[in-house]
């Protein structure tokens, strides 16, 4: 297979897991419990197709542009597409298509479940790495009513993102990081620590 970067690239994505569907001999890449890409293997374990999911209109367009993209093999041919693993689809294009498949499948989950799968709060905080994890059950579990807020009150960032705008995360907002982020500064942080925390959270959201 010419796309020898694919396995490492997909496993570098947040919360992606990999398994082998032995009955089909497919190496599957999943987000949550749902497949978003697969390498289909023959009886000699040689890749014969790369399957990925796209918006139907985009899939139809690409099939008209590249002979190495065909309707999904053993898949719903409306949404799934098969790419020749030794074909002429440019590497950068395939990376972009895999990204789209990842996000398309992720967005099929309810918004709260998306955050749980990613392990992120609405503002991109990695709850597993947060220094408050022993004090707080987490933004998602608490519906934003985290320990440092007044009783019964949700964090303003959560209220804006999940409540007002119905976003899964602030990544969907064109203004991120916004003034509200800066108004909710942890008072224990220095200026440098605060800017670093913003940059880290934005990076987490972009990677998701």
N, C-alpha and C. Protein backbone atom coordinates (compact mmCIF):
# COMPACT_ATOMS: atom_id res chain seq x y z
N UNK A 1 0.85 -1.20 0.00
CA UNK A 1 0.00 0.00 0.00
C UNK A 1 0.88 1.24 0.00
N UNK A 2 0.57 2.18 -0.89
CA UNK A 2 1.42 3.36 -1.01
C UNK A 2 1.22 4.34 0.15
N UNK A 3 0.06 4.27 0.81
CA UNK A 3 -0.23 5.22 1.89
C UNK A 3 0.25 4.64 3.22
N UNK A 4 1.56 4.47 3.34
CA UNK A 4 2.10 3.80 4.52
C UNK A 4 2.02 4.65 5.78
N UNK A 5 1.62 5.90 5.65
CA UNK A 5 1.46 6.81 6.79
C UNK A 5 0.10 6.66 7.46
N UNK A 6 -0.82 5.94 6.82
CA UNK A 6 -2.23 6.00 7.22
C UNK A 6 -2.47 5.49 8.65
N UNK A 7 -1.88 4.37 9.01
CA UNK A 7 -2.13 3.81 10.33
C UNK A 7 -1.70 4.79 11.43
N UNK A 8 -0.49 5.29 11.33
CA UNK A 8 0.01 6.23 12.33
C UNK A 8 -0.82 7.50 12.36
N UNK A 9 -1.21 7.98 11.19
CA UNK A 9 -1.98 9.21 11.09
C UNK A 9 -3.33 9.06 11.80
N UNK A 10 -4.03 7.96 11.54
CA UNK A 10 -5.34 7.77 12.13
C UNK A 10 -5.27 7.54 13.64
N UNK A 11 -4.28 6.79 14.07
CA UNK A 11 -4.15 6.52 15.50
C UNK A 11 -3.68 7.74 16.28
N UNK A 12 -3.17 8.76 15.59
CA UNK A 12 -2.78 9.99 16.27
C UNK A 12 -3.98 10.88 16.56
N UNK A 13 -5.13 10.57 15.96
CA UNK A 13 -6.32 11.36 16.19
C UNK A 13 -6.90 11.04 17.57
N UNK A 14 -7.51 12.03 18.15
CA UNK A 14 -8.01 11.90 19.52
C UNK A 14 -9.06 10.80 19.62
N UNK A 15 -8.84 9.90 20.57
CA UNK A 15 -9.80 8.85 20.95
C UNK A 15 -10.05 7.78 19.88
N UNK A 16 -9.17 7.69 18.89
CA UNK A 16 -9.34 6.67 17.86
C UNK A 16 -8.82 5.32 18.38
N UNK A 17 -9.57 4.27 18.10
CA UNK A 17 -9.14 2.91 18.41
C UNK A 17 -9.11 2.10 17.12
N UNK A 18 -8.44 0.97 17.19
CA UNK A 18 -8.22 0.13 16.01
C UNK A 18 -8.49 -1.32 16.40
N UNK A 19 -9.14 -2.06 15.50
CA UNK A 19 -9.30 -3.48 15.71
C UNK A 19 -9.30 -4.22 14.38
N UNK A 20 -9.33 -5.53 14.45
CA UNK A 20 -9.42 -6.36 13.25
C UNK A 20 -10.76 -7.08 13.29
N UNK A 21 -11.58 -6.84 12.26
CA UNK A 21 -12.81 -7.59 12.11
C UNK A 21 -12.44 -8.88 11.38
N UNK A 22 -12.22 -9.94 12.15
CA UNK A 22 -11.63 -11.15 11.58
C UNK A 22 -12.50 -11.79 10.51
N UNK A 23 -13.81 -11.74 10.67
CA UNK A 23 -14.70 -12.37 9.71
C UNK A 23 -14.57 -11.74 8.33
N UNK A 24 -14.39 -10.43 8.29
CA UNK A 24 -14.25 -9.73 7.02
C UNK A 24 -12.80 -9.51 6.62
N UNK A 25 -11.89 -9.63 7.60
CA UNK A 25 -10.48 -9.30 7.43
C UNK A 25 -10.32 -7.82 7.08
N UNK A 26 -10.98 -7.01 7.90
CA UNK A 26 -10.89 -5.55 7.79
C UNK A 26 -10.16 -5.00 9.03
N UNK A 27 -9.18 -4.16 8.83
CA UNK A 27 -8.61 -3.37 9.92
C UNK A 27 -9.46 -2.12 10.05
N UNK A 28 -10.13 -1.99 11.19
CA UNK A 28 -11.10 -0.90 11.35
C UNK A 28 -10.56 0.16 12.30
N UNK A 29 -10.86 1.42 11.98
CA UNK A 29 -10.51 2.56 12.82
C UNK A 29 -11.82 3.18 13.29
N UNK A 30 -11.93 3.35 14.61
CA UNK A 30 -13.21 3.71 15.19
C UNK A 30 -13.07 4.93 16.10
N UNK A 31 -14.15 5.71 16.14
CA UNK A 31 -14.28 6.79 17.10
C UNK A 31 -15.54 6.48 17.90
N UNK A 32 -15.41 6.46 19.23
CA UNK A 32 -16.50 5.89 20.01
C UNK A 32 -16.55 4.41 19.68
N UNK A 33 -17.71 3.91 19.36
CA UNK A 33 -17.83 2.51 18.96
C UNK A 33 -18.17 2.38 17.47
N UNK A 34 -17.92 3.44 16.70
CA UNK A 34 -18.33 3.45 15.30
C UNK A 34 -17.13 3.57 14.37
N UNK A 35 -17.14 2.77 13.33
CA UNK A 35 -16.07 2.80 12.34
C UNK A 35 -16.16 4.05 11.47
N UNK A 36 -15.02 4.69 11.24
CA UNK A 36 -14.99 5.80 10.30
C UNK A 36 -14.03 5.54 9.14
N UNK A 37 -13.20 4.52 9.25
CA UNK A 37 -12.30 4.15 8.16
C UNK A 37 -11.91 2.69 8.34
N UNK A 38 -11.51 2.08 7.23
CA UNK A 38 -11.08 0.68 7.30
C UNK A 38 -10.12 0.39 6.15
N UNK A 39 -9.20 -0.52 6.41
CA UNK A 39 -8.36 -1.08 5.36
C UNK A 39 -8.84 -2.50 5.13
N UNK A 40 -9.31 -2.77 3.94
CA UNK A 40 -9.86 -4.08 3.59
C UNK A 40 -8.74 -4.95 3.04
N UNK A 41 -8.58 -6.13 3.63
CA UNK A 41 -7.47 -7.01 3.29
C UNK A 41 -7.96 -8.25 2.54
N UNK A 42 -7.10 -8.77 1.66
CA UNK A 42 -7.44 -10.01 0.97
C UNK A 42 -6.96 -11.20 1.79
N UNK A 43 -7.05 -12.40 1.24
CA UNK A 43 -6.69 -13.61 1.98
C UNK A 43 -5.21 -13.66 2.34
N UNK A 44 -4.39 -12.88 1.65
CA UNK A 44 -2.96 -12.80 1.95
C UNK A 44 -2.62 -11.58 2.80
N UNK A 45 -3.66 -10.95 3.36
CA UNK A 45 -3.52 -9.74 4.19
C UNK A 45 -2.94 -8.56 3.43
N UNK A 46 -3.17 -8.53 2.14
CA UNK A 46 -2.75 -7.40 1.33
C UNK A 46 -3.93 -6.42 1.19
N UNK A 47 -3.70 -5.10 1.42
CA UNK A 47 -4.80 -4.14 1.28
C UNK A 47 -5.38 -4.11 -0.13
N UNK A 48 -6.69 -4.16 -0.21
CA UNK A 48 -7.36 -4.08 -1.51
C UNK A 48 -8.21 -2.82 -1.64
N UNK A 49 -8.72 -2.30 -0.52
CA UNK A 49 -9.49 -1.06 -0.53
C UNK A 49 -9.25 -0.33 0.79
N UNK A 50 -9.40 0.99 0.73
CA UNK A 50 -9.53 1.83 1.92
C UNK A 50 -10.95 2.37 1.91
N UNK A 51 -11.72 2.06 2.94
CA UNK A 51 -13.09 2.55 3.02
C UNK A 51 -13.18 3.75 3.95
N UNK A 52 -13.96 4.75 3.53
CA UNK A 52 -14.18 5.94 4.36
C UNK A 52 -15.54 6.53 4.03
N UNK A 53 -16.04 7.32 4.94
CA UNK A 53 -17.38 7.89 4.82
C UNK A 53 -17.32 9.35 4.43
N UNK A 54 -18.19 9.76 3.50
CA UNK A 54 -18.25 11.15 3.06
C UNK A 54 -19.69 11.58 2.87
N UNK A 55 -19.88 12.88 2.82
CA UNK A 55 -21.17 13.40 2.39
C UNK A 55 -21.47 12.82 1.01
N UNK A 56 -22.69 12.34 0.77
CA UNK A 56 -22.99 11.69 -0.51
C UNK A 56 -22.62 12.51 -1.74
N UNK A 57 -22.85 13.83 -1.70
CA UNK A 57 -22.55 14.65 -2.87
C UNK A 57 -21.05 14.72 -3.12
N UNK A 58 -20.26 14.81 -2.06
CA UNK A 58 -18.81 14.85 -2.24
C UNK A 58 -18.28 13.51 -2.73
N UNK A 59 -18.82 12.42 -2.21
CA UNK A 59 -18.40 11.11 -2.66
C UNK A 59 -18.69 10.90 -4.14
N UNK A 60 -19.87 11.33 -4.57
CA UNK A 60 -20.23 11.20 -5.98
C UNK A 60 -19.30 12.04 -6.86
N UNK A 61 -18.98 13.25 -6.40
CA UNK A 61 -18.07 14.10 -7.16
C UNK A 61 -16.70 13.46 -7.31
N UNK A 62 -16.16 12.94 -6.22
CA UNK A 62 -14.82 12.34 -6.26
C UNK A 62 -14.78 11.10 -7.13
N UNK A 63 -15.85 10.34 -7.12
CA UNK A 63 -15.89 9.15 -7.97
C UNK A 63 -15.88 9.53 -9.44
N UNK A 64 -16.36 10.73 -9.72
CA UNK A 64 -16.30 11.21 -11.10
C UNK A 64 -14.95 11.78 -11.48
N UNK A 65 -14.14 12.13 -10.47
CA UNK A 65 -12.83 12.73 -10.73
C UNK A 65 -11.69 11.72 -10.70
N UNK A 66 -11.84 10.66 -9.93
CA UNK A 66 -10.76 9.68 -9.75
C UNK A 66 -11.28 8.28 -9.99
N UNK A 67 -10.66 7.57 -10.90
CA UNK A 67 -11.05 6.19 -11.14
C UNK A 67 -10.68 5.28 -9.97
N UNK A 68 -9.82 5.77 -9.08
CA UNK A 68 -9.41 5.00 -7.91
C UNK A 68 -10.35 5.19 -6.73
N UNK A 69 -11.43 5.93 -6.91
CA UNK A 69 -12.46 6.07 -5.89
C UNK A 69 -13.75 5.48 -6.46
N UNK A 70 -14.29 4.48 -5.76
CA UNK A 70 -15.50 3.80 -6.22
C UNK A 70 -16.50 3.73 -5.06
N UNK A 71 -17.77 3.39 -5.36
CA UNK A 71 -18.74 3.22 -4.27
C UNK A 71 -18.24 2.19 -3.25
N UNK A 72 -18.59 2.39 -2.00
CA UNK A 72 -18.05 1.58 -0.92
C UNK A 72 -18.26 0.09 -1.08
N UNK A 73 -17.18 -0.65 -1.00
CA UNK A 73 -17.22 -2.10 -1.11
C UNK A 73 -17.83 -2.68 0.18
N UNK A 74 -18.86 -3.49 0.02
CA UNK A 74 -19.56 -4.10 1.14
C UNK A 74 -20.00 -3.05 2.17
N UNK A 75 -20.44 -1.91 1.67
CA UNK A 75 -20.85 -0.81 2.54
C UNK A 75 -22.04 -0.10 1.91
N UNK A 76 -22.66 0.78 2.66
CA UNK A 76 -23.72 1.63 2.14
C UNK A 76 -23.11 2.54 1.07
N UNK A 77 -23.45 2.30 -0.17
CA UNK A 77 -22.80 3.00 -1.28
C UNK A 77 -23.23 4.46 -1.41
N UNK A 78 -24.21 4.87 -0.64
CA UNK A 78 -24.61 6.28 -0.67
C UNK A 78 -23.61 7.14 0.09
N UNK A 79 -23.10 6.61 1.20
CA UNK A 79 -22.22 7.40 2.08
C UNK A 79 -20.78 6.91 2.10
N UNK A 80 -20.55 5.64 1.77
CA UNK A 80 -19.21 5.08 1.90
C UNK A 80 -18.54 4.95 0.54
N UNK A 81 -17.23 5.13 0.55
CA UNK A 81 -16.44 5.11 -0.66
C UNK A 81 -15.21 4.24 -0.44
N UNK A 82 -14.76 3.59 -1.51
CA UNK A 82 -13.56 2.76 -1.45
C UNK A 82 -12.47 3.38 -2.32
N UNK A 83 -11.28 3.48 -1.73
CA UNK A 83 -10.13 4.07 -2.42
C UNK A 83 -9.10 2.98 -2.68
N UNK A 84 -8.57 2.96 -3.89
CA UNK A 84 -7.52 2.02 -4.25
C UNK A 84 -6.27 2.33 -3.43
N UNK A 85 -5.77 1.37 -2.62
CA UNK A 85 -4.62 1.66 -1.76
C UNK A 85 -3.30 1.83 -2.52
N UNK A 86 -3.32 1.50 -3.80
CA UNK A 86 -2.11 1.68 -4.63
C UNK A 86 -2.41 2.58 -5.83
N UNK A 87 -3.43 3.42 -5.67
CA UNK A 87 -3.88 4.25 -6.79
C UNK A 87 -3.22 5.61 -6.84
N UNK A 88 -3.93 6.55 -7.50
CA UNK A 88 -3.36 7.87 -7.78
C UNK A 88 -4.02 8.99 -7.00
N UNK A 89 -4.83 8.67 -6.01
CA UNK A 89 -5.41 9.73 -5.18
C UNK A 89 -4.28 10.38 -4.38
N UNK A 90 -4.08 11.70 -4.49
CA UNK A 90 -2.97 12.35 -3.78
C UNK A 90 -3.03 12.13 -2.27
N UNK A 91 -1.86 12.03 -1.68
CA UNK A 91 -1.79 11.78 -0.24
C UNK A 91 -2.53 12.85 0.56
N UNK A 92 -2.32 14.11 0.22
CA UNK A 92 -2.96 15.19 0.99
C UNK A 92 -4.48 15.14 0.85
N UNK A 93 -4.96 14.77 -0.32
CA UNK A 93 -6.40 14.64 -0.50
C UNK A 93 -6.93 13.51 0.36
N UNK A 94 -6.25 12.38 0.37
CA UNK A 94 -6.71 11.26 1.18
C UNK A 94 -6.71 11.62 2.66
N UNK A 95 -5.69 12.33 3.13
CA UNK A 95 -5.67 12.78 4.52
C UNK A 95 -6.91 13.61 4.82
N UNK A 96 -7.21 14.53 3.91
CA UNK A 96 -8.39 15.37 4.11
C UNK A 96 -9.68 14.57 4.13
N UNK A 97 -9.77 13.56 3.28
CA UNK A 97 -10.97 12.72 3.24
C UNK A 97 -11.11 11.90 4.53
N UNK A 98 -10.01 11.41 5.04
CA UNK A 98 -10.03 10.67 6.30
C UNK A 98 -10.44 11.59 7.45
N UNK A 99 -9.96 12.83 7.43
CA UNK A 99 -10.37 13.81 8.44
C UNK A 99 -11.88 14.03 8.38
N UNK A 100 -12.39 14.18 7.18
CA UNK A 100 -13.83 14.41 7.03
C UNK A 100 -14.64 13.21 7.52
N UNK A 101 -14.16 12.02 7.21
CA UNK A 101 -14.86 10.83 7.67
C UNK A 101 -14.89 10.76 9.19
N UNK A 102 -13.75 11.05 9.81
CA UNK A 102 -13.64 11.07 11.28
C UNK A 102 -14.68 12.02 11.87
N UNK A 103 -14.72 13.25 11.36
CA UNK A 103 -15.63 14.25 11.91
C UNK A 103 -17.09 13.93 11.60
N UNK A 104 -17.34 13.37 10.44
CA UNK A 104 -18.71 13.02 10.07
C UNK A 104 -19.27 11.96 11.02
N UNK A 105 -18.47 10.96 11.31
CA UNK A 105 -18.93 9.90 12.22
C UNK A 105 -19.03 10.44 13.65
N UNK A 106 -18.04 11.22 14.08
CA UNK A 106 -18.10 11.79 15.43
C UNK A 106 -19.35 12.63 15.62
N UNK A 107 -19.69 13.43 14.63
CA UNK A 107 -20.84 14.33 14.75
C UNK A 107 -22.17 13.57 14.69
N UNK A 108 -22.12 12.28 14.40
CA UNK A 108 -23.33 11.46 14.44
C UNK A 108 -23.76 11.12 15.86
N UNK A 109 -22.88 11.35 16.83
CA UNK A 109 -23.22 11.13 18.23
C UNK A 109 -23.89 12.38 18.81
N UNK A 110 -24.71 12.22 19.86
CA UNK A 110 -25.21 13.41 20.57
C UNK A 110 -24.04 14.27 21.06
N UNK A 111 -24.27 15.55 21.19
CA UNK A 111 -23.19 16.49 21.50
C UNK A 111 -22.50 16.18 22.82
N UNK A 112 -23.26 15.85 23.83
CA UNK A 112 -22.62 15.51 25.11
C UNK A 112 -21.77 14.26 24.95
N UNK A 113 -22.25 13.29 24.20
CA UNK A 113 -21.49 12.06 23.98
C UNK A 113 -20.21 12.36 23.19
N UNK A 114 -20.27 13.32 22.27
CA UNK A 114 -19.05 13.70 21.54
C UNK A 114 -17.97 14.16 22.51
N UNK A 115 -18.36 14.99 23.48
CA UNK A 115 -17.39 15.48 24.46
C UNK A 115 -16.85 14.34 25.32
N UNK A 116 -17.73 13.42 25.68
CA UNK A 116 -17.29 12.27 26.49
C UNK A 116 -16.30 11.42 25.72
N UNK A 117 -16.59 11.19 24.46
CA UNK A 117 -15.69 10.38 23.63
C UNK A 117 -14.32 11.04 23.52
N UNK A 118 -14.32 12.35 23.30
CA UNK A 118 -13.07 13.09 23.13
C UNK A 118 -12.35 13.31 24.46
N UNK A 119 -13.07 13.21 25.57
CA UNK A 119 -12.46 13.48 26.87
C UNK A 119 -12.19 14.95 27.09
N UNK A 120 -13.00 15.81 26.46
CA UNK A 120 -12.80 17.25 26.54
C UNK A 120 -14.02 17.95 27.10
N UNK A 121 -13.79 19.05 27.80
CA UNK A 121 -14.88 19.94 28.15
C UNK A 121 -15.22 20.79 26.93
N UNK A 122 -16.23 21.62 27.04
CA UNK A 122 -16.61 22.46 25.89
C UNK A 122 -15.48 23.38 25.46
N UNK A 123 -14.66 23.81 26.45
CA UNK A 123 -13.58 24.76 26.14
C UNK A 123 -12.27 24.06 25.81
N UNK A 124 -12.30 22.74 25.66
CA UNK A 124 -11.09 22.03 25.24
C UNK A 124 -10.20 21.56 26.37
N UNK A 125 -10.63 21.71 27.61
CA UNK A 125 -9.85 21.18 28.73
C UNK A 125 -9.88 19.66 28.70
N UNK A 126 -8.71 19.07 28.81
CA UNK A 126 -8.60 17.61 28.89
C UNK A 126 -8.85 17.22 30.34
N UNK A 127 -10.06 16.69 30.60
CA UNK A 127 -10.45 16.42 31.99
C UNK A 127 -9.52 15.42 32.67
N UNK A 128 -8.97 14.48 31.91
CA UNK A 128 -8.10 13.46 32.51
C UNK A 128 -6.78 14.04 32.99
N UNK A 129 -6.40 15.20 32.42
CA UNK A 129 -5.12 15.82 32.79
C UNK A 129 -5.30 17.05 33.67
N UNK A 130 -6.54 17.39 33.97
CA UNK A 130 -6.81 18.63 34.72
C UNK A 130 -6.37 18.47 36.18
N UNK A 131 -5.74 19.53 36.70
CA UNK A 131 -5.26 19.46 38.08
C UNK A 131 -6.40 19.46 39.09
N UNK A 132 -7.63 19.73 38.65
CA UNK A 132 -8.80 19.74 39.53
C UNK A 132 -9.58 18.43 39.50
N UNK A 133 -9.06 17.42 38.83
CA UNK A 133 -9.86 16.22 38.60
C UNK A 133 -10.26 15.50 39.89
N UNK A 134 -9.50 15.71 40.98
CA UNK A 134 -9.87 15.09 42.25
C UNK A 134 -10.96 15.87 42.98
N UNK A 135 -11.24 17.07 42.52
CA UNK A 135 -12.25 17.92 43.14
C UNK A 135 -13.53 17.99 42.33
N UNK A 136 -13.45 17.61 41.08
CA UNK A 136 -14.52 17.90 40.12
C UNK A 136 -14.86 16.65 39.33
N UNK A 137 -16.15 16.38 39.17
CA UNK A 137 -16.56 15.22 38.37
C UNK A 137 -16.42 15.47 36.87
N UNK A 138 -16.17 16.71 36.51
CA UNK A 138 -15.97 17.05 35.10
C UNK A 138 -17.10 17.87 34.54
N UNK A 139 -16.75 18.71 33.59
CA UNK A 139 -17.70 19.62 32.95
C UNK A 139 -18.89 18.87 32.37
N UNK A 140 -18.63 17.78 31.66
CA UNK A 140 -19.71 17.07 30.98
C UNK A 140 -20.64 16.38 31.97
N UNK A 141 -20.05 15.69 32.95
CA UNK A 141 -20.87 14.99 33.93
C UNK A 141 -21.70 15.95 34.76
N UNK A 142 -21.13 17.13 35.04
CA UNK A 142 -21.81 18.11 35.89
C UNK A 142 -22.67 19.08 35.09
N UNK A 143 -22.74 18.89 33.77
CA UNK A 143 -23.47 19.82 32.90
C UNK A 143 -23.02 21.27 33.13
N UNK A 144 -21.71 21.42 33.30
CA UNK A 144 -21.13 22.76 33.47
C UNK A 144 -21.14 23.28 34.89
N UNK A 145 -21.84 22.60 35.80
CA UNK A 145 -21.96 23.09 37.18
C UNK A 145 -20.77 22.57 37.99
N UNK A 146 -19.61 23.06 37.61
CA UNK A 146 -18.37 22.56 38.19
C UNK A 146 -18.14 23.15 39.58
N UNK A 147 -17.18 22.58 40.31
CA UNK A 147 -17.03 22.84 41.75
C UNK A 147 -16.76 24.31 42.07
N UNK A 148 -16.13 25.04 41.17
CA UNK A 148 -15.76 26.42 41.50
C UNK A 148 -16.87 27.42 41.20
N UNK A 149 -18.01 26.95 40.69
CA UNK A 149 -19.14 27.85 40.44
C UNK A 149 -20.09 27.86 41.64
N UNK A 150 -20.92 28.90 41.73
CA UNK A 150 -21.94 28.96 42.78
C UNK A 150 -22.90 27.79 42.61
N UNK A 151 -23.47 27.32 43.70
CA UNK A 151 -24.36 26.16 43.67
C UNK A 151 -25.47 26.35 42.64
N UNK A 152 -25.61 25.37 41.79
CA UNK A 152 -26.68 25.39 40.78
C UNK A 152 -26.37 26.20 39.55
N UNK A 153 -25.20 26.85 39.51
CA UNK A 153 -24.83 27.69 38.38
C UNK A 153 -23.84 26.96 37.47
N UNK A 154 -24.04 27.08 36.18
CA UNK A 154 -23.12 26.49 35.21
C UNK A 154 -22.03 27.48 34.86
N UNK A 155 -20.87 26.96 34.52
CA UNK A 155 -19.78 27.79 34.01
C UNK A 155 -20.31 28.61 32.84
N UNK A 156 -20.03 29.91 32.77
CA UNK A 156 -20.53 30.73 31.67
C UNK A 156 -20.11 30.24 30.29
N UNK A 157 -18.92 29.65 30.19
CA UNK A 157 -18.48 29.12 28.89
C UNK A 157 -19.35 27.94 28.49
N UNK A 158 -19.63 27.06 29.44
CA UNK A 158 -20.51 25.92 29.15
C UNK A 158 -21.91 26.42 28.80
N UNK A 159 -22.42 27.37 29.58
CA UNK A 159 -23.77 27.89 29.33
C UNK A 159 -23.87 28.49 27.94
N UNK A 160 -22.84 29.20 27.51
CA UNK A 160 -22.83 29.81 26.18
C UNK A 160 -22.75 28.75 25.09
N UNK A 161 -21.79 27.84 25.24
CA UNK A 161 -21.52 26.86 24.19
C UNK A 161 -22.63 25.81 24.08
N UNK A 162 -22.86 25.09 25.18
CA UNK A 162 -23.80 23.98 25.16
C UNK A 162 -25.24 24.43 25.33
N UNK A 163 -25.45 25.49 26.14
CA UNK A 163 -26.80 25.94 26.41
C UNK A 163 -27.34 26.89 25.35
N UNK A 164 -26.66 28.01 25.14
CA UNK A 164 -27.15 29.03 24.22
C UNK A 164 -27.04 28.61 22.76
N UNK A 165 -25.85 28.14 22.37
CA UNK A 165 -25.60 27.87 20.95
C UNK A 165 -25.78 26.41 20.54
N UNK A 166 -25.89 25.51 21.53
CA UNK A 166 -26.06 24.07 21.26
C UNK A 166 -24.89 23.50 20.47
N UNK A 167 -23.70 24.01 20.74
CA UNK A 167 -22.50 23.46 20.12
C UNK A 167 -22.04 22.23 20.91
N UNK A 168 -21.33 21.35 20.25
CA UNK A 168 -20.68 20.25 20.97
C UNK A 168 -19.51 20.80 21.78
N UNK A 169 -18.69 21.65 21.14
CA UNK A 169 -17.57 22.31 21.81
C UNK A 169 -17.41 23.71 21.22
N UNK A 170 -16.55 24.49 21.84
CA UNK A 170 -16.27 25.84 21.35
C UNK A 170 -15.58 25.83 19.99
N UNK A 171 -15.11 24.68 19.54
CA UNK A 171 -14.49 24.59 18.22
C UNK A 171 -15.45 25.01 17.12
N UNK A 172 -16.75 24.89 17.37
CA UNK A 172 -17.75 25.26 16.36
C UNK A 172 -17.99 26.76 16.31
N UNK A 173 -17.44 27.49 17.26
CA UNK A 173 -17.67 28.93 17.34
C UNK A 173 -16.58 29.68 16.58
N UNK A 174 -16.95 30.63 15.71
CA UNK A 174 -15.95 31.37 14.94
C UNK A 174 -15.14 32.35 15.78
N UNK A 175 -15.57 32.61 17.02
CA UNK A 175 -14.89 33.61 17.85
C UNK A 175 -13.93 33.00 18.87
N UNK A 176 -13.77 31.69 18.85
CA UNK A 176 -12.90 31.07 19.85
C UNK A 176 -11.43 31.41 19.58
N UNK A 177 -10.64 31.76 20.61
CA UNK A 177 -11.02 32.00 22.01
C UNK A 177 -11.61 33.40 22.16
N UNK A 178 -12.74 33.50 22.81
CA UNK A 178 -13.48 34.76 22.86
C UNK A 178 -13.22 35.50 24.18
N UNK A 179 -13.86 36.66 24.31
CA UNK A 179 -13.70 37.45 25.54
C UNK A 179 -14.21 36.68 26.76
N UNK A 180 -15.23 35.85 26.56
CA UNK A 180 -15.76 35.07 27.68
C UNK A 180 -14.70 34.12 28.23
N UNK A 181 -13.93 33.53 27.34
CA UNK A 181 -12.82 32.67 27.80
C UNK A 181 -11.89 33.47 28.71
N UNK A 182 -11.57 34.69 28.29
CA UNK A 182 -10.60 35.49 29.05
C UNK A 182 -11.21 36.00 30.36
N UNK A 183 -12.51 36.18 30.38
CA UNK A 183 -13.14 36.65 31.62
C UNK A 183 -13.19 35.55 32.67
N UNK A 184 -13.10 34.30 32.25
CA UNK A 184 -13.15 33.17 33.18
C UNK A 184 -11.76 32.65 33.51
N UNK A 185 -10.85 33.54 33.66
CA UNK A 185 -9.46 33.19 33.95
C UNK A 185 -9.31 32.60 35.35
N UNK A 186 -8.53 31.55 35.46
CA UNK A 186 -8.17 30.99 36.76
C UNK A 186 -7.27 32.00 37.46
N UNK A 187 -7.68 32.54 38.62
CA UNK A 187 -6.90 33.60 39.27
C UNK A 187 -5.53 33.13 39.76
N UNK A 188 -5.33 31.83 39.85
CA UNK A 188 -4.03 31.34 40.31
C UNK A 188 -2.98 31.35 39.20
N UNK A 189 -3.41 31.59 37.96
CA UNK A 189 -2.48 31.56 36.83
C UNK A 189 -1.78 32.90 36.64
N UNK A 190 -0.52 32.83 36.28
CA UNK A 190 0.19 34.02 35.82
C UNK A 190 -0.27 34.31 34.39
N UNK A 191 0.12 35.48 33.86
CA UNK A 191 -0.23 35.81 32.49
C UNK A 191 0.28 34.73 31.53
N UNK A 192 1.50 34.29 31.75
CA UNK A 192 2.10 33.29 30.86
C UNK A 192 1.37 31.95 30.96
N UNK A 193 1.01 31.55 32.16
CA UNK A 193 0.29 30.29 32.36
C UNK A 193 -1.09 30.36 31.73
N UNK A 194 -1.74 31.52 31.86
CA UNK A 194 -3.08 31.66 31.30
C UNK A 194 -3.05 31.58 29.78
N UNK A 195 -2.11 32.27 29.16
CA UNK A 195 -2.00 32.21 27.69
C UNK A 195 -1.65 30.81 27.24
N UNK A 196 -0.80 30.13 27.99
CA UNK A 196 -0.45 28.75 27.64
C UNK A 196 -1.67 27.85 27.74
N UNK A 197 -2.52 28.08 28.74
CA UNK A 197 -3.72 27.25 28.89
C UNK A 197 -4.69 27.47 27.74
N UNK A 198 -4.80 28.72 27.30
CA UNK A 198 -5.66 29.02 26.15
C UNK A 198 -5.13 28.32 24.90
N UNK A 199 -3.85 28.45 24.67
CA UNK A 199 -3.25 27.82 23.49
C UNK A 199 -3.42 26.30 23.52
N UNK A 200 -3.26 25.71 24.69
CA UNK A 200 -3.41 24.26 24.82
C UNK A 200 -4.84 23.82 24.53
N UNK A 201 -5.81 24.56 25.06
CA UNK A 201 -7.21 24.21 24.86
C UNK A 201 -7.62 24.37 23.39
N UNK A 202 -7.15 25.45 22.77
CA UNK A 202 -7.45 25.65 21.34
C UNK A 202 -6.85 24.50 20.53
N UNK A 203 -5.63 24.09 20.87
CA UNK A 203 -4.99 22.99 20.16
C UNK A 203 -5.76 21.70 20.34
N UNK A 204 -6.26 21.45 21.56
CA UNK A 204 -7.07 20.25 21.81
C UNK A 204 -8.32 20.25 20.94
N UNK A 205 -8.96 21.41 20.83
CA UNK A 205 -10.18 21.49 20.03
C UNK A 205 -9.89 21.30 18.55
N UNK A 206 -8.79 21.84 18.08
CA UNK A 206 -8.42 21.69 16.66
C UNK A 206 -8.06 20.25 16.32
N UNK A 207 -7.46 19.54 17.29
CA UNK A 207 -7.06 18.16 17.07
C UNK A 207 -8.24 17.21 17.10
N UNK A 208 -9.33 17.65 17.70
CA UNK A 208 -10.49 16.76 17.87
C UNK A 208 -11.32 16.69 16.60
